[in-house]
N, C-alpha and C. Protein backbone atom coordinates (compact mmCIF):
# COMPACT_ATOMS: atom_id res chain seq x y z
N UNK A 1 0.83 -1.10 -0.09
CA UNK A 1 0.00 -0.01 -0.18
C UNK A 1 0.90 1.16 0.10
N UNK A 2 2.13 1.10 -0.43
CA UNK A 2 2.75 2.58 -0.25
C UNK A 2 2.45 3.42 -1.28
N UNK A 3 2.26 3.06 -2.29
CA UNK A 3 2.02 3.99 -3.33
C UNK A 3 0.54 4.38 -3.74
N UNK A 4 -0.17 3.66 -3.08
CA UNK A 4 -1.67 4.40 -3.18
C UNK A 4 -1.94 5.76 -2.47
N UNK A 5 -2.70 6.42 -2.98
CA UNK A 5 -3.08 7.92 -2.36
C UNK A 5 -4.41 7.46 -1.51
N UNK A 6 -4.47 7.41 -0.30
CA UNK A 6 -5.92 7.65 0.41
C UNK A 6 -6.73 8.76 0.18
N UNK A 7 -8.04 8.66 0.07
CA UNK A 7 -8.73 9.71 -0.12
C UNK A 7 -10.00 9.92 0.92
N UNK A 8 -10.04 8.80 1.86
CA UNK A 8 -10.89 8.72 2.89
C UNK A 8 -10.39 7.54 3.60
N UNK A 9 -10.80 7.83 5.04
CA UNK A 9 -10.28 6.88 6.08
C UNK A 9 -10.81 7.14 7.16
N UNK A 10 -11.60 6.17 7.99
CA UNK A 10 -12.03 6.39 9.23
C UNK A 10 -11.68 5.02 9.96
N UNK A 11 -11.15 5.49 11.22
CA UNK A 11 -10.81 4.31 12.13
C UNK A 11 -11.51 4.60 13.30
N UNK A 12 -11.99 3.24 14.08
CA UNK A 12 -12.41 3.11 15.25
C UNK A 12 -12.09 2.24 16.10
N UNK A 13 -12.19 2.60 17.31
CA UNK A 13 -11.68 1.57 18.49
C UNK A 13 -12.79 0.36 18.78
N UNK A 14 -12.73 -0.72 18.96
CA UNK A 14 -13.60 -1.72 19.24
C UNK A 14 -14.08 -1.90 20.64
N UNK A 15 -15.13 -1.73 21.22
CA UNK A 15 -15.26 -2.25 22.50
C UNK A 15 -15.84 -3.56 22.70
N UNK A 16 -15.85 -4.21 23.87
CA UNK A 16 -15.88 -5.49 23.65
C UNK A 16 -17.62 -5.90 24.22
N UNK A 17 -17.95 -7.19 24.17
CA UNK A 17 -19.42 -7.35 24.76
C UNK A 17 -20.24 -7.38 23.51
N UNK A 18 -20.13 -6.93 22.34
CA UNK A 18 -20.93 -6.87 21.52
C UNK A 18 -21.03 -8.03 20.47
N UNK A 19 -22.16 -8.53 20.06
CA UNK A 19 -22.07 -9.60 18.97
C UNK A 19 -21.74 -9.41 17.65
N UNK A 20 -22.15 -8.25 17.41
CA UNK A 20 -21.70 -7.67 15.67
C UNK A 20 -21.55 -6.16 16.13
N UNK A 21 -20.36 -5.57 15.51
CA UNK A 21 -19.84 -3.96 15.67
C UNK A 21 -20.20 -3.57 14.36
N UNK A 22 -20.63 -2.65 14.18
CA UNK A 22 -20.95 -2.07 12.89
C UNK A 22 -20.86 -0.46 13.03
N UNK A 23 -19.81 0.02 12.10
CA UNK A 23 -19.42 1.50 12.07
C UNK A 23 -20.00 2.01 10.55
N UNK A 24 -19.99 3.28 10.43
CA UNK A 24 -20.38 3.82 9.03
C UNK A 24 -19.52 5.00 8.76
N UNK A 25 -19.05 5.01 7.32
CA UNK A 25 -18.13 6.00 6.78
C UNK A 25 -18.92 6.52 5.48
N UNK A 26 -18.90 7.66 5.66
CA UNK A 26 -19.77 8.60 4.40
C UNK A 26 -18.63 8.55 3.31
N UNK A 27 -18.84 8.10 1.96
CA UNK A 27 -17.95 8.29 1.09
C UNK A 27 -18.60 9.24 -0.32
N UNK A 28 -18.00 10.20 -0.50
CA UNK A 28 -18.29 11.07 -1.67
C UNK A 28 -17.45 11.02 -2.63
N UNK A 29 -17.50 10.93 -3.74
CA UNK A 29 -16.68 10.40 -5.02
C UNK A 29 -16.24 11.83 -5.56
N UNK A 30 -17.06 12.93 -5.74
CA UNK A 30 -16.60 14.17 -6.55
C UNK A 30 -16.92 14.30 -7.95
N UNK A 31 -16.48 14.99 -8.54
CA UNK A 31 -17.09 15.36 -10.02
C UNK A 31 -16.34 14.42 -11.08
N UNK A 32 -15.22 13.62 -10.51
CA UNK A 32 -14.90 12.73 -11.75
C UNK A 32 -14.55 11.19 -11.33
N UNK A 33 -15.43 10.34 -12.11
CA UNK A 33 -15.67 9.01 -11.98
C UNK A 33 -14.17 8.50 -11.71
N UNK A 34 -13.87 6.98 -10.85
CA UNK A 34 -12.58 6.61 -11.05
C UNK A 34 -12.62 5.40 -10.51
N UNK A 35 -11.63 4.55 -10.69
CA UNK A 35 -11.40 3.06 -10.23
C UNK A 35 -10.76 3.56 -8.60
N UNK A 36 -11.44 2.75 -7.38
CA UNK A 36 -11.12 2.81 -6.25
C UNK A 36 -10.59 1.75 -5.67
N UNK A 37 -10.05 1.64 -4.76
CA UNK A 37 -9.61 0.48 -3.80
C UNK A 37 -10.34 0.77 -2.37
N UNK A 38 -11.28 -0.10 -1.92
CA UNK A 38 -11.85 -0.15 -0.80
C UNK A 38 -11.31 -1.02 0.28
N UNK A 39 -10.84 -0.85 1.30
CA UNK A 39 -10.10 -1.56 1.89
C UNK A 39 -10.34 -1.47 3.50
N UNK A 40 -10.57 -2.58 4.31
CA UNK A 40 -10.74 -2.70 5.77
C UNK A 40 -9.73 -3.33 6.23
N UNK A 41 -9.19 -2.38 7.04
CA UNK A 41 -7.74 -2.96 7.79
C UNK A 41 -8.09 -3.33 9.15
N UNK A 42 -7.57 -4.27 9.94
CA UNK A 42 -8.06 -4.77 11.22
C UNK A 42 -7.00 -4.85 11.81
N UNK A 43 -6.79 -4.88 13.41
CA UNK A 43 -5.68 -4.87 14.34
C UNK A 43 -6.08 -5.52 15.33
N UNK A 44 -5.43 -6.57 16.06
CA UNK A 44 -5.68 -7.40 17.02
C UNK A 44 -7.21 -7.76 17.27
N UNK A 45 -7.70 -8.23 15.99
CA UNK A 45 -9.05 -8.88 16.21
C UNK A 45 -8.97 -10.32 16.22
N UNK A 46 -9.64 -11.07 17.21
CA UNK A 46 -9.24 -12.46 17.17
C UNK A 46 -9.23 -13.33 15.86
N UNK A 47 -8.65 -13.84 15.69
CA UNK A 47 -8.56 -15.16 14.48
C UNK A 47 -9.71 -15.79 14.75
N UNK A 48 -10.51 -15.86 13.50
CA UNK A 48 -11.77 -16.56 13.41
C UNK A 48 -13.02 -15.77 13.48
N UNK A 49 -12.72 -14.72 13.78
CA UNK A 49 -13.65 -13.50 13.66
C UNK A 49 -14.10 -13.10 12.33
N UNK A 50 -15.09 -12.79 11.97
CA UNK A 50 -15.60 -12.41 10.75
C UNK A 50 -15.76 -10.76 10.46
N UNK A 51 -15.01 -10.41 9.48
CA UNK A 51 -15.36 -8.86 8.98
C UNK A 51 -15.86 -8.85 7.55
N UNK A 52 -16.65 -7.68 7.56
CA UNK A 52 -17.24 -7.42 5.93
C UNK A 52 -17.39 -5.89 5.85
N UNK A 53 -17.90 -5.48 4.74
CA UNK A 53 -18.51 -4.36 4.60
C UNK A 53 -18.93 -4.11 3.36
N UNK A 54 -20.11 -3.08 3.24
CA UNK A 54 -20.88 -2.79 2.10
C UNK A 54 -21.58 -1.45 2.00
N UNK A 55 -21.66 -1.25 0.90
CA UNK A 55 -22.59 0.17 0.36
C UNK A 55 -24.05 -0.10 -0.15
N UNK A 56 -24.84 0.24 0.43
CA UNK A 56 -26.34 -0.31 0.11
C UNK A 56 -26.61 0.58 -1.18
N UNK A 57 -26.16 1.93 -1.30
CA UNK A 57 -26.50 2.77 -2.57
C UNK A 57 -25.83 2.14 -4.00
N UNK A 58 -26.90 2.26 -4.92
CA UNK A 58 -26.49 1.65 -6.23
C UNK A 58 -25.64 2.62 -7.29
N UNK A 59 -24.71 2.13 -8.11
CA UNK A 59 -23.79 3.12 -8.94
C UNK A 59 -22.61 2.51 -9.04
N UNK A 60 -21.47 2.22 -7.98
CA UNK A 60 -20.39 1.80 -8.29
C UNK A 60 -20.37 0.43 -9.03
N UNK A 61 -19.36 -0.17 -9.79
CA UNK A 61 -19.52 -1.22 -10.41
C UNK A 61 -18.14 -1.77 -10.16
N UNK A 62 -17.93 -3.13 -9.75
CA UNK A 62 -19.13 -3.81 -9.02
C UNK A 62 -19.64 -3.21 -7.89
N UNK A 63 -20.55 -3.56 -7.39
CA UNK A 63 -21.07 -2.97 -5.96
C UNK A 63 -19.94 -3.01 -5.13
N UNK A 64 -19.80 -2.12 -3.86
CA UNK A 64 -18.91 -2.16 -3.14
C UNK A 64 -19.58 -3.01 -1.51
N UNK A 65 -18.88 -4.18 -1.94
CA UNK A 65 -19.39 -5.02 -0.96
C UNK A 65 -18.37 -6.43 -0.64
N UNK A 66 -18.17 -6.80 0.40
CA UNK A 66 -17.18 -7.64 0.71
C UNK A 66 -18.12 -8.69 1.76
N UNK A 67 -18.23 -9.79 1.32
CA UNK A 67 -18.90 -10.83 2.18
C UNK A 67 -18.25 -11.12 3.50
N UNK A 68 -18.86 -11.71 4.80
CA UNK A 68 -18.17 -12.02 5.87
C UNK A 68 -16.85 -13.04 5.60
N UNK A 69 -15.75 -12.34 6.25
CA UNK A 69 -14.50 -13.21 5.55
C UNK A 69 -13.84 -13.22 7.12
N UNK A 70 -13.47 -14.46 6.99
CA UNK A 70 -12.69 -14.96 8.41
C UNK A 70 -11.21 -14.28 8.41
N UNK A 71 -10.98 -13.52 9.82
CA UNK A 71 -9.73 -13.13 9.98
C UNK A 71 -9.01 -14.11 10.28
N UNK A 72 -7.45 -14.14 9.60
CA UNK A 72 -6.56 -15.16 9.76
C UNK A 72 -5.26 -14.86 10.37
N UNK A 73 -5.26 -13.57 10.90
CA UNK A 73 -4.20 -13.16 11.56
C UNK A 73 -4.14 -11.80 12.43
N UNK A 74 -3.33 -11.38 13.33
CA UNK A 74 -3.61 -10.27 14.28
C UNK A 74 -3.82 -8.97 13.35
N UNK A 75 -3.01 -8.86 12.36
CA UNK A 75 -3.32 -7.53 11.35
C UNK A 75 -3.55 -8.35 9.86
N UNK A 76 -4.79 -7.72 9.82
CA UNK A 76 -5.71 -8.46 8.47
C UNK A 76 -6.33 -7.12 7.84
N UNK A 77 -6.17 -7.48 6.42
CA UNK A 77 -6.84 -6.51 5.66
C UNK A 77 -7.84 -7.35 4.59
N UNK A 78 -8.92 -6.95 4.08
CA UNK A 78 -9.72 -7.27 3.02
C UNK A 78 -10.03 -6.13 2.28
N UNK A 79 -10.12 -6.24 0.80
CA UNK A 79 -10.78 -5.21 -0.01
C UNK A 79 -10.94 -5.68 -1.33
N UNK A 80 -11.26 -4.54 -1.92
CA UNK A 80 -11.94 -4.80 -3.37
C UNK A 80 -11.90 -3.42 -3.97
N UNK A 81 -12.06 -3.74 -5.47
CA UNK A 81 -11.61 -2.45 -6.54
C UNK A 81 -12.92 -2.35 -6.92
N UNK A 82 -13.36 -0.89 -7.14
CA UNK A 82 -14.68 -0.80 -7.67
C UNK A 82 -14.81 0.47 -8.84
N UNK A 83 -15.42 0.63 -9.79
CA UNK A 83 -15.59 1.93 -10.57
C UNK A 83 -16.50 2.85 -9.82
N UNK A 84 -16.25 4.00 -9.42
CA UNK A 84 -17.09 4.70 -8.77
C UNK A 84 -17.58 6.13 -9.79
N UNK A 85 -18.82 5.80 -10.11
CA UNK A 85 -19.07 7.20 -11.09
C UNK A 85 -19.07 8.75 -10.32
N UNK A 86 -18.98 9.66 -11.29
CA UNK A 86 -18.92 10.81 -10.40
C UNK A 86 -19.97 10.91 -9.62
N UNK A 87 -19.78 12.33 -8.77
CA UNK A 87 -20.64 12.65 -7.79
C UNK A 87 -21.66 11.37 -7.21
N UNK A 88 -20.84 10.45 -6.80
CA UNK A 88 -21.58 9.51 -6.32
C UNK A 88 -21.44 9.63 -4.56
N UNK A 89 -22.36 9.29 -3.94
CA UNK A 89 -22.57 9.61 -2.46
C UNK A 89 -23.12 8.54 -1.79
N UNK A 90 -22.64 7.78 -0.81
CA UNK A 90 -22.86 6.69 -0.15
C UNK A 90 -22.39 6.47 1.14
N UNK A 91 -23.08 5.46 2.09
CA UNK A 91 -22.47 5.04 3.40
C UNK A 91 -21.89 3.81 3.28
N UNK A 92 -20.81 3.82 3.47
CA UNK A 92 -20.17 2.24 3.57
C UNK A 92 -20.08 1.84 5.20
N UNK A 93 -20.83 0.66 5.40
CA UNK A 93 -20.96 0.04 6.88
C UNK A 93 -19.88 -0.95 6.82
N UNK A 94 -18.99 -0.77 7.70
CA UNK A 94 -18.08 -1.73 7.88
C UNK A 94 -18.34 -2.76 9.41
N UNK A 95 -18.22 -3.91 9.34
CA UNK A 95 -18.60 -4.70 10.40
C UNK A 95 -17.54 -6.03 11.17
N UNK A 96 -17.71 -6.12 12.03
CA UNK A 96 -17.04 -7.35 12.57
C UNK A 96 -17.84 -8.17 13.76
N UNK A 97 -17.64 -9.58 13.54
CA UNK A 97 -18.56 -10.62 14.43
C UNK A 97 -17.48 -11.22 15.18
N UNK A 98 -17.05 -10.66 16.18
CA UNK A 98 -16.14 -11.06 16.89
C UNK A 98 -16.22 -12.37 17.49
N UNK A 99 -15.02 -13.35 17.23
CA UNK A 99 -15.00 -14.74 18.29
C UNK A 99 -13.98 -14.43 19.37
N UNK A 100 -14.68 -14.58 20.18
CA UNK A 100 -14.14 -14.32 22.01
C UNK A 100 -14.04 -13.08 22.01
N UNK A 101 -13.55 -12.66 23.11
CA UNK A 101 -13.00 -11.39 23.53
C UNK A 101 -11.93 -10.66 22.87
N UNK A 102 -12.53 -9.31 22.75
CA UNK A 102 -11.48 -8.42 21.79
C UNK A 102 -10.85 -7.61 22.80
N UNK A 103 -9.45 -7.68 22.58
CA UNK A 103 -8.46 -6.81 23.36
C UNK A 103 -8.78 -5.42 23.14
N UNK A 104 -8.43 -4.75 24.23
CA UNK A 104 -8.35 -3.18 24.41
C UNK A 104 -7.96 -2.45 23.25
N UNK A 105 -7.01 -3.09 22.75
CA UNK A 105 -6.42 -2.56 21.54
C UNK A 105 -6.84 -2.89 20.09
N UNK A 106 -7.87 -3.53 20.12
CA UNK A 106 -8.40 -4.12 18.86
C UNK A 106 -9.23 -2.64 18.17
N UNK A 107 -8.81 -2.47 16.73
CA UNK A 107 -9.59 -1.73 16.03
C UNK A 107 -9.65 -1.99 14.36
N UNK A 108 -10.70 -1.23 13.64
CA UNK A 108 -10.78 -1.32 12.24
C UNK A 108 -10.79 0.10 11.79
N UNK A 109 -10.21 0.01 10.44
CA UNK A 109 -10.24 0.96 9.66
C UNK A 109 -10.35 0.97 8.53
N UNK A 110 -11.47 1.68 7.74
CA UNK A 110 -12.03 1.42 6.56
C UNK A 110 -11.47 2.82 5.78
N UNK A 111 -10.98 2.31 4.44
CA UNK A 111 -10.15 3.23 3.48
C UNK A 111 -10.30 3.10 2.15
N UNK A 112 -10.59 4.41 1.43
CA UNK A 112 -10.77 4.34 0.02
C UNK A 112 -9.64 5.01 -0.39
N UNK A 113 -9.25 4.42 -1.50
CA UNK A 113 -7.93 5.13 -1.95
C UNK A 113 -7.86 4.89 -3.66
N UNK A 114 -7.11 5.80 -4.06
CA UNK A 114 -6.78 5.25 -5.67
C UNK A 114 -5.74 4.67 -5.68
N UNK A 115 -5.85 3.37 -6.57
CA UNK A 115 -4.86 2.30 -6.68
C UNK A 115 -3.52 2.92 -7.32
N UNK A 116 -2.49 2.36 -6.75
CA UNK A 116 -1.22 2.59 -7.39
C UNK A 116 -1.08 2.27 -8.74
N UNK A 117 -0.38 3.09 -9.49
CA UNK A 117 -0.27 2.88 -10.77
C UNK A 117 0.85 1.88 -11.16
N UNK A 118 0.71 1.01 -12.06
CA UNK A 118 1.90 -0.08 -12.17
C UNK A 118 3.17 0.53 -12.53
N UNK A 119 4.21 0.12 -12.00
CA UNK A 119 5.52 0.80 -11.98
C UNK A 119 5.92 1.96 -11.23
N UNK A 120 4.94 2.31 -10.24
CA UNK A 120 5.02 3.53 -9.56
C UNK A 120 5.76 3.16 -8.16
């Protein structure tokens, strides 16, 4: 991720005791459509927990959605590329279903970024 340019990012500290934790990030594309990389970065979420994200608003192709994905390590990321049309605005909901107790320093960060160009 060193050459990508982050255009929107939101990080949340996770509390324990919830069966499913969901947060929301407003995403606004602006006047020019573009290919965007959407990524959910996780830290200290227990292995076996499931993370996902989705944007219910129509427009991006493919739709912005990552189905529940098992966490396989302490620092885990999942993402997808989508073409987002000009002037699109929508809310991205990102979630974790924890397996076991979340440590006090567990967090998730939802990011939208321009993908790095080849050779950059």
